[in-house]
Amino acid sequence: MTRRNGAGEAFQSGDGTSGVRAPDDGACEDEEEEEEEEDEERQGSSPCSPPAVAAPDGGWGWAVLVATILVLALTLAFPACVGIFYTDLQNEFHASNSETSWVPSIMTSVLHAGGPFCSVLVERLGCRATVMLGGVLSGLGMAASSFTNSIMELYVTAGVITGLGFCFSFQPAVTILGHYFVRRRAFANAMSSTGTALGLCVLPFLGNYLHSEFGWRGSFLILSAVLLNCCVCGAVMRPLQPRKHRGQPLMNHGTPPPPPPDDAKQRKDSSCLRTAGRWLLASLSKHMAFDQFCNNARYRVYAIGITWMMLGFVVPLVYLVPYATANAMEQGRAALLLSILGVVNIVVRPAFGVVFNMPWFKGRHVYVFAAALLVNGLSNSICSVGPGFPVLLVYVIIYGLSMSVVGSLMFTVLMDIVEMSRFPSALGLLAIMESVTLLIGPPLAGILVDRTGQYHLVFFACSAVVASAALFLLLSFAWLDRKERAARARQGAATTPPTPSLPDPPGPAAATACRYSSVPTEADRDKDKANGAEVTSL
């Protein structure tokens, strides 16, 4: 799971919006204490930390935070930088735009689709070993890519193997970060989300330099060594250890239990198939929330909207450099656009993470998210003005600002609509769904370029897809909120007891009670006194 990130941010998807993020801390101390207690209970069943271990909220956690930032920089931002080698791959393998675009597409899709497998590894091996395994896989995949002789081989090495390594590295990294921080979790997640922006800022410069000095094969080989640094970052992520208590060891461990009888062994062997079936169903229920998709209307709407959004959300990052270089822009200036995009995210994303954690935004996250997504989609149409550097610079700034909001709120919205106990499984199912559109998005854009020869049509198509997904989310959640308010109003009217009223007196008294009574005059009062005196004398 892109556990958020579990307890941390899964983080961003493709652009830095996939991955996993931690639950938001409340504004009041009582909410923080409740969240801390819940988190300690979750730690008791997590392989990343032993039971009853309090989060340090500092100390070695700062080293884990730095390691998580570096892991996200090396993994989530890498697929977007493949565009620097796009033209070389086309010329080397005589491939079309559609065929070449499958390389970053498969890499990004596997990065998200491998979430359930990553969760199983975390349960078996722990976060630390899984991150190091991911670093080894991604390094080997890129090293093997430098020796490939066909585009199909590149699909396997750079797409499947490297993408799976990225998945195994970044998801456990943000997961263990959630165990180290509870009170400062919002700040830690906001800082860790800058990892993708840091990668978008640095990797294009590094890739462009390596490309000019060593070509694409030499660049892939050197980048494989850079990706092995995920193993170093994983070694830093040591699991939390319980405090040691001094005392006499228990020497008497008791007698070992007797071996089971033969009949018990036979019954155990005969039930292996049933046990395997139950385990498979339990695993699917644990890592993919199909029940939430069927019964939770908000989750269903959100999952469909995000899946549709991913069809065009990351495509501009893949085709920005080819679009600029195809219109006579230097490769260095084209790579600078991606770096500027990363700088915008680095500056803005932490601030957004803190602002959106304020109490005023509680309950409004989905509307801010949808509005930012609408701006992000419409910004793609700016590229149709022209391929000049000033125009693309304005586009990159607007795109980066809106992408920062989307990346900061993507997993926060998911936490608002599902219970935290079901968040990992809900995120796993969402990752599987969005991996399909992430896989087919860039190739479809490549087919459009092959048939029309115009790159700006790709940005028009992305604008329509992302903007329509934003409108779908905005209108659907507004309708659901209105429906819930109406249901609460009907429920309140049904449960409110009727106001008790006194029964009307029968006969003439009832009619007298309904008559209008005038204010008595002075003559009326004198008459009443006279009548009273007569009664007294009698």
Foldseek 3Di string as FASTA:
>chain_A
DLVCCLQAQCFQALLGQGGHHHAFQAPDVVSLVVQQVVLLVVQCLFLQAHHPFGAPQDDLLVLLLVLLLQLLLLFSQVLLLCLLCQVVQCVQAVDFQLLSLLLSLLLRLLLLLCLLVLVVCCNVPNLLVLLLVLLLQLLQLLLVCLVDRHSVSSCVRRRNRNSNSSNSNNSSSRVLSSRNRRPCRLLSNLSSSLSSLVNLQPVLVLLNVCCVVPNPSSSSNVSSVVSSCSNVSSVSSHGYDDDDDDDDDDPDPDDDDDDDDPVVVVVVVVCPVVVVVVVVVVSLVQQAPPVCCVPQPLLVLLLVLLLLLLLQLNQCSSCQQVQLVVVVDDSVLSSNLSSVLSVLLNVVQSVLSVVCSDPVCVVVLLVLLLVLLLQLLQLLLLPVVDSDSVSSNVSSNSNSNSVSSNRSRVLNVVCNRDPSSRSNNSSNNSSNSNSVSSSCNSSVLSVVCVVPVHNSVSSVVSSVRSNVSSVSSNVVVVVVVVVVVVVVVVVVVVPDDDDDDDDQDDDPSNVVVPDDDDDDDPVNVVVVVVVVVVVVVD
